[in-house]
Amino acid sequence: MTSPIRPPRHPYLDHPAPIAFAHRGGTADGLENTVRQFRRAVAAGYRYIETDVHATRDGRLVAFHDETLDRVTDGAGRIAELPWRDVAQARVAGEEPVPLFEELLETFPEVRWNVDVKAEPALLPLLELVERTGAWDRICLGSFSEARVVRAQRLAGPRLATSFGTRGVLRLRLRSWGLPAPVRRSAVAAQVPEEQSGVTVVDRRFVNTAHALGLQVHVWTVNEPERMHRLLDLGVDGIMTDHIETLRKVMEDRGIWV
């Protein structure tokens, strides 16, 4: 079993054990990305929470996964085409409002946020918010778009923690197979699925290669205890889950819940 990296390359990763991430706050009860769900995760002991951001038509940054309101709320329409006053009327599962990300930073000052920037219009509002609130140590920015992550890093510099986009993950996987693939050194973590399209992403070679480059490995989205144990045995540095009670129990059983 490999050991988590010490010391971390960024204050965001300053944590004495593998990191437990509440994915969208924990989505098992259908209230993803809501203050109510985030509060539940914090009450369960989580201090790292994964969320997503979009920008409204008038530039307000909301914590929400989909491009449209349709799937999880009683509202409808593309967030990028709606003003905040309309998005604010929607209710997740017919119950909970869509939160502004700024509200989350204020409401949960002890939480560190893993933020998936879902669309380009959300990038600058996020960086401006982090600058204004001085929250650099509390944010790790990720995106499937490698170009978007690289742009964020160029704009913010080393004070911003970032993970790889899809292309960066592919290069790290190739590197773990012994191929001479270049790997972006400004990232602090590879945040990856356990497998993709039937191809294993996370194995011992992948974890060891990441660690040799000074990178942590965070795996999403893992909900079964046996998978959690297997990944922790491989030495991964973080797990993102919808089932926050399950991951906490696994970590408690292993004596690594902090």
Foldseek 3Di string as FASTA:
>chain_A
DDAFDPPAPALLLRDDAFAEEAEQLFCPPQQGQFPVSVVVSVVVPHQEYEFEWDAACVGFIWTDDDQWPPPFWPDTDGRNDHDPVRQQVIAGNDHGGTDGVLVVCVVRVSHAYEYEYEDLSNLVSVVVSCVVVVVLSRYEYEYLDQVSQVVSCVVPPLSHAYEGHVVLLVLLQVVLVVDPRDHDLSHAEHEEECADPPHGSDDLSSQVSQVVSNHAYEYDDDEDLVVLVVNVVSHHRYYYYSHSVSNQVSCVVVVRRD
